[in-house]
Amino acid sequence: MTERVVLITGGVRGLGLAVARRMAADGDRVHLAYRSSHDLAREREAEFEGRVHRADVTDQDEVRALFARIAEREGRLDVLVHAVGEYVAAPLTETSPADWRRMWSSNVESTVLVADAARPLLRASRGALLAFGVAGLEGLAARRRTAAYAAAKSALLVFVRSFAREEAPHGVRANLLSPGVVPHDHAAADAFDEALRARIPLGRTGTPEEVAEAARFLCSDEARYVTGVDLAVAGGWLA
């Protein structure tokens, strides 16, 4: 099997890092992109030598430069995993216009920018795009504390499905992976809330490794007939 070239934005920490390590274990040549986690980026150089790149994926010029570097160095891109998106938890009365703009920019606009920049490379390789949502999007349910975040992720789902439809004739697949409550070193405080854990049907929170396995599947040849889906990895949470 030809070694795949993979780019994971937001890959130096959290769920992005878990996905990066899982794909590297399969023999993929994994590149990471980050914006501001400089100390963590330096640590990741030991694992992903020479393949850790700084780029603000909400800036079109920086995004274009990032993909130009990948194209120049590797000559191809087979998989793009976009593990970027800020989070805010507050009732609507405490959610500012700036919060709404930040949720849109980091979760939706960043995905649009990287998807557009990756499009020619993914078409050439008949590759795959994977973005991160959040559990419960299919129901379009009201949210008590995460309305701005869930609204942005709902828009992201529409974008990913639209991208999947447009790119299918070119052999490119696009899917959304939507974790539930998954504690990890860089998770929001909500992920450690015992009251939330008690409401998960499977009776426990998820792990980064479980999310990474799902990401690996959606980007693999085993899922070559899967596109435009929203896969919840949430133990039944908000199903």
Protein backbone atom coordinates (compact mmCIF):
# COMPACT_ATOMS: atom_id res chain seq x y z
CA MET A 1 0.00 0.00 0.00
CA THR A 2 1.33 3.42 -0.97
CA GLU A 3 2.16 5.61 2.02
CA ARG A 4 -0.55 8.23 2.38
CA VAL A 5 0.16 11.89 3.04
CA VAL A 6 -2.09 13.25 5.77
CA LEU A 7 -2.49 16.79 7.10
CA ILE A 8 -4.16 17.31 10.47
CA THR A 9 -4.93 20.91 11.35
CA GLY A 10 -5.14 21.40 15.11
CA GLY A 11 -2.98 18.30 15.36
CA VAL A 12 -0.51 19.16 18.11
CA ARG A 13 -2.97 18.53 20.95
CA GLY A 14 -6.29 17.01 21.99
CA LEU A 15 -8.33 14.92 19.61
CA GLY A 16 -6.32 16.09 16.62
CA LEU A 17 -3.17 14.66 18.17
CA ALA A 18 -4.92 11.37 18.96
CA VAL A 19 -5.93 11.08 15.30
CA ALA A 20 -2.41 11.98 14.17
CA ARG A 21 -0.85 9.27 16.31
CA ARG A 22 -3.38 6.67 15.17
CA MET A 23 -2.75 7.40 11.50
CA ALA A 24 1.01 7.51 11.98
CA ALA A 25 0.78 4.07 13.58
CA ASP A 26 -0.75 2.84 10.31
CA GLY A 27 2.30 4.09 8.43
CA ASP A 28 0.81 7.33 7.10
CA ARG A 29 3.12 10.29 6.60
CA VAL A 30 1.39 12.76 8.92
CA HIS A 31 1.82 16.53 8.93
CA LEU A 32 0.48 18.69 11.75
CA ALA A 33 -0.63 22.32 11.67
CA TYR A 34 -1.12 24.58 14.67
CA ARG A 35 -1.75 28.24 15.37
CA SER A 36 -0.55 29.24 18.83
CA SER A 37 0.47 26.12 20.82
CA HIS A 38 4.18 26.77 20.26
CA ASP A 39 5.47 24.75 23.23
CA LEU A 40 3.42 21.72 22.24
CA ALA A 41 4.51 22.10 18.63
CA ARG A 42 8.14 21.90 19.70
CA GLU A 43 7.37 18.72 21.63
CA ARG A 44 5.68 17.15 18.60
CA GLU A 45 8.77 17.65 16.45
CA ALA A 46 10.26 14.56 18.08
CA GLU A 47 7.37 12.47 16.73
CA PHE A 48 6.67 14.27 13.47
CA GLU A 49 10.11 15.52 12.54
CA GLY A 50 10.01 18.38 10.08
CA ARG A 51 6.27 17.99 9.57
CA VAL A 52 4.89 20.47 12.11
CA HIS A 53 3.70 23.72 10.52
CA ARG A 54 2.47 26.97 12.01
CA ALA A 55 -0.58 28.47 10.26
CA ASP A 56 -3.66 30.43 11.28
CA VAL A 57 -6.41 28.58 9.42
CA THR A 58 -8.78 31.54 9.70
CA ASP A 59 -6.38 33.54 7.49
CA GLN A 60 -6.72 32.77 3.77
CA ASP A 61 -3.15 33.75 2.89
CA GLU A 62 -1.69 31.54 5.62
CA VAL A 63 -3.91 28.65 4.58
CA ARG A 64 -2.79 28.93 0.96
CA ALA A 65 0.83 29.06 2.05
CA LEU A 66 0.36 25.96 4.22
CA PHE A 67 -1.03 23.87 1.37
CA ALA A 68 1.60 25.19 -1.02
CA ARG A 69 4.27 23.91 1.39
CA ILE A 70 2.64 20.50 1.58
CA ALA A 71 2.31 20.32 -2.21
CA GLU A 72 5.91 21.41 -2.77
CA ARG A 73 7.31 18.99 -0.23
CA GLU A 74 5.14 15.92 -0.76
CA GLY A 75 3.67 16.40 -4.21
CA ARG A 76 0.31 15.10 -2.98
CA LEU A 77 -2.25 15.11 -0.18
CA ASP A 78 -4.46 12.10 0.46
CA VAL A 79 -6.28 13.01 3.66
CA LEU A 80 -7.15 16.29 5.36
CA VAL A 81 -8.42 16.11 8.95
CA HIS A 82 -9.59 19.48 10.22
CA ALA A 83 -9.59 19.27 14.02
CA VAL A 84 -10.03 23.00 14.63
CA GLY A 85 -12.86 24.91 16.27
CA GLU A 86 -13.14 27.03 19.38
CA TYR A 87 -15.80 26.39 22.02
CA VAL A 88 -17.98 28.55 24.21
CA ALA A 89 -20.46 27.44 26.87
CA ALA A 90 -22.93 30.03 28.13
CA PRO A 91 -26.66 30.73 27.96
CA LEU A 92 -27.79 33.04 25.18
CA THR A 93 -28.10 35.92 27.63
CA GLU A 94 -24.36 35.65 28.28
CA THR A 95 -23.24 34.95 24.71
CA SER A 96 -21.86 38.10 23.12
CA PRO A 97 -21.83 39.03 19.43
CA ALA A 98 -18.08 38.50 19.57
CA ASP A 99 -18.66 34.94 20.79
CA TRP A 100 -20.98 34.27 17.86
CA ARG A 101 -18.43 35.64 15.38
CA ARG A 102 -15.64 33.61 16.97
CA MET A 103 -17.67 30.39 16.75
CA TRP A 104 -18.43 31.05 13.09
CA SER A 105 -14.87 32.00 12.17
CA SER A 106 -13.07 29.18 13.95
CA ASN A 107 -15.54 26.38 13.21
CA VAL A 108 -17.02 27.22 9.80
CA GLU A 109 -14.84 29.74 7.95
CA SER A 110 -11.67 27.86 8.82
CA THR A 111 -13.14 24.68 7.33
CA VAL A 112 -14.21 26.49 4.17
CA LEU A 113 -10.70 27.90 3.74
CA VAL A 114 -8.83 24.64 4.22
CA ALA A 115 -11.31 22.67 2.10
CA ASP A 116 -10.98 25.13 -0.78
CA ALA A 117 -7.19 25.10 -0.55
CA ALA A 118 -7.05 21.31 -0.35
CA ARG A 119 -9.52 20.70 -3.17
CA PRO A 120 -7.04 20.38 -6.09
CA LEU A 121 -4.77 18.06 -4.10
CA LEU A 122 -7.65 15.89 -2.89
CA ARG A 123 -9.05 15.65 -6.40
CA ALA A 124 -5.67 14.53 -7.71
CA SER A 125 -5.46 11.75 -5.09
CA ARG A 126 -9.20 11.00 -4.90
CA GLY A 127 -8.72 11.68 -1.22
CA ALA A 128 -10.79 12.39 1.87
CA LEU A 129 -11.74 15.36 4.03
CA LEU A 130 -12.82 14.90 7.64
CA ALA A 131 -14.06 17.73 9.87
CA PHE A 132 -15.14 17.68 13.51
CA GLY A 133 -18.70 18.38 14.62
CA VAL A 134 -20.41 17.72 17.94
CA ALA A 135 -22.89 15.08 19.04
CA GLY A 136 -26.57 15.83 18.54
CA LEU A 137 -26.46 17.86 15.32
CA GLU A 138 -28.93 15.66 13.45
CA GLY A 139 -31.75 16.58 15.81
CA LEU A 140 -31.22 20.36 15.59
CA ALA A 141 -32.17 20.45 19.26
CA ALA A 142 -32.13 23.52 21.50
CA ARG A 143 -29.04 23.93 23.66
CA ARG A 144 -29.06 25.43 27.14
CA ARG A 145 -25.42 26.52 27.23
CA THR A 146 -23.84 25.82 23.84
CA ALA A 147 -26.21 27.41 21.32
CA ALA A 148 -23.54 29.43 19.51
CA TYR A 149 -21.19 26.46 19.28
CA ALA A 150 -23.87 24.02 18.14
CA ALA A 151 -25.24 26.51 15.63
CA ALA A 152 -21.79 26.88 14.07
CA LYS A 153 -21.34 23.10 13.98
CA SER A 154 -24.78 22.73 12.36
CA ALA A 155 -23.69 25.11 9.62
CA LEU A 156 -20.50 23.08 9.32
CA LEU A 157 -22.54 19.92 8.76
CA VAL A 158 -24.38 21.57 5.87
CA PHE A 159 -21.07 22.70 4.38
CA VAL A 160 -19.46 19.27 4.67
CA ARG A 161 -22.44 17.55 3.07
CA SER A 162 -22.47 20.13 0.28
CA PHE A 163 -18.74 19.67 -0.29
CA ALA A 164 -19.26 15.90 -0.36
CA ARG A 165 -21.97 16.24 -3.00
CA GLU A 166 -19.93 18.58 -5.20
CA GLU A 167 -16.71 16.61 -4.96
CA ALA A 168 -18.16 13.11 -5.35
CA PRO A 169 -17.77 13.18 -9.16
CA HIS A 170 -14.05 13.78 -8.58
CA GLY A 171 -13.73 10.82 -6.23
CA VAL A 172 -13.29 13.00 -3.12
CA ARG A 173 -15.11 12.02 0.05
CA ALA A 174 -16.06 14.37 2.91
CA ASN A 175 -17.49 13.44 6.29
CA LEU A 176 -18.10 14.86 9.75
CA LEU A 177 -17.09 13.15 12.98
CA SER A 178 -19.08 14.33 16.01
CA PRO A 179 -17.68 13.41 19.45
CA GLY A 180 -19.75 13.47 22.59
CA VAL A 181 -18.24 13.90 26.05
CA VAL A 182 -14.54 13.04 25.69
CA PRO A 183 -12.23 14.17 28.50
CA HIS A 184 -8.60 14.85 27.60
CA ASP A 185 -5.83 17.20 28.61
CA HIS A 186 -7.12 20.09 26.51
CA ALA A 187 -10.86 19.49 26.75
CA ALA A 188 -13.31 22.10 28.03
CA ALA A 189 -14.37 21.85 31.67
CA ASP A 190 -17.75 20.45 30.58
CA ALA A 191 -16.06 17.19 29.58
CA PHE A 192 -15.31 16.44 33.22
CA ASP A 193 -18.83 17.12 34.50
CA GLU A 194 -20.07 14.05 36.37
CA ALA A 195 -23.68 15.08 35.82
CA LEU A 196 -23.13 14.87 32.06
CA ARG A 197 -21.41 11.52 32.35
CA ALA A 198 -24.37 10.11 34.25
CA ARG A 199 -26.68 10.98 31.32
CA ILE A 200 -24.68 9.09 28.68
CA PRO A 201 -26.60 5.92 27.71
CA LEU A 202 -23.46 3.74 27.61
CA GLY A 203 -22.66 4.93 31.14
CA ARG A 204 -19.23 6.42 30.53
CA THR A 205 -17.38 9.13 28.67
CA GLY A 206 -15.45 8.45 25.49
CA THR A 207 -11.70 8.38 24.99
CA PRO A 208 -9.52 10.19 22.45
CA GLU A 209 -8.43 6.79 21.15
CA GLU A 210 -12.04 5.85 20.34
CA VAL A 211 -12.50 9.09 18.44
CA ALA A 212 -9.22 8.46 16.61
CA GLU A 213 -10.36 4.97 15.57
CA ALA A 214 -13.53 6.42 14.09
CA ALA A 215 -11.52 9.09 12.25
CA ARG A 216 -9.15 6.46 10.90
CA PHE A 217 -12.11 4.44 9.59
CA LEU A 218 -13.79 7.38 7.85
CA CYS A 219 -10.53 8.24 6.08
CA SER A 220 -9.67 4.67 5.14
CA ASP A 221 -10.30 2.53 2.09
CA GLU A 222 -12.76 0.52 4.17
CA ALA A 223 -15.01 3.60 4.06
CA ARG A 224 -14.43 4.40 0.40
CA TYR A 225 -18.21 4.27 -0.22
CA VAL A 226 -19.00 6.56 2.75
CA THR A 227 -19.41 10.27 2.12
CA GLY A 228 -21.59 13.07 3.46
CA VAL A 229 -22.20 11.37 6.81
CA ASP A 230 -22.16 12.71 10.36
CA LEU A 231 -20.78 9.94 12.57
CA ALA A 232 -21.49 10.47 16.27
CA VAL A 233 -18.93 8.91 18.61
CA ALA A 234 -20.85 9.67 21.76
CA GLY A 235 -22.08 6.55 23.54
CA GLY A 236 -25.64 7.43 22.62
CA TRP A 237 -25.35 10.96 24.04
CA LEU A 238 -28.00 13.26 22.52
CA ALA A 239 -29.07 10.56 20.05
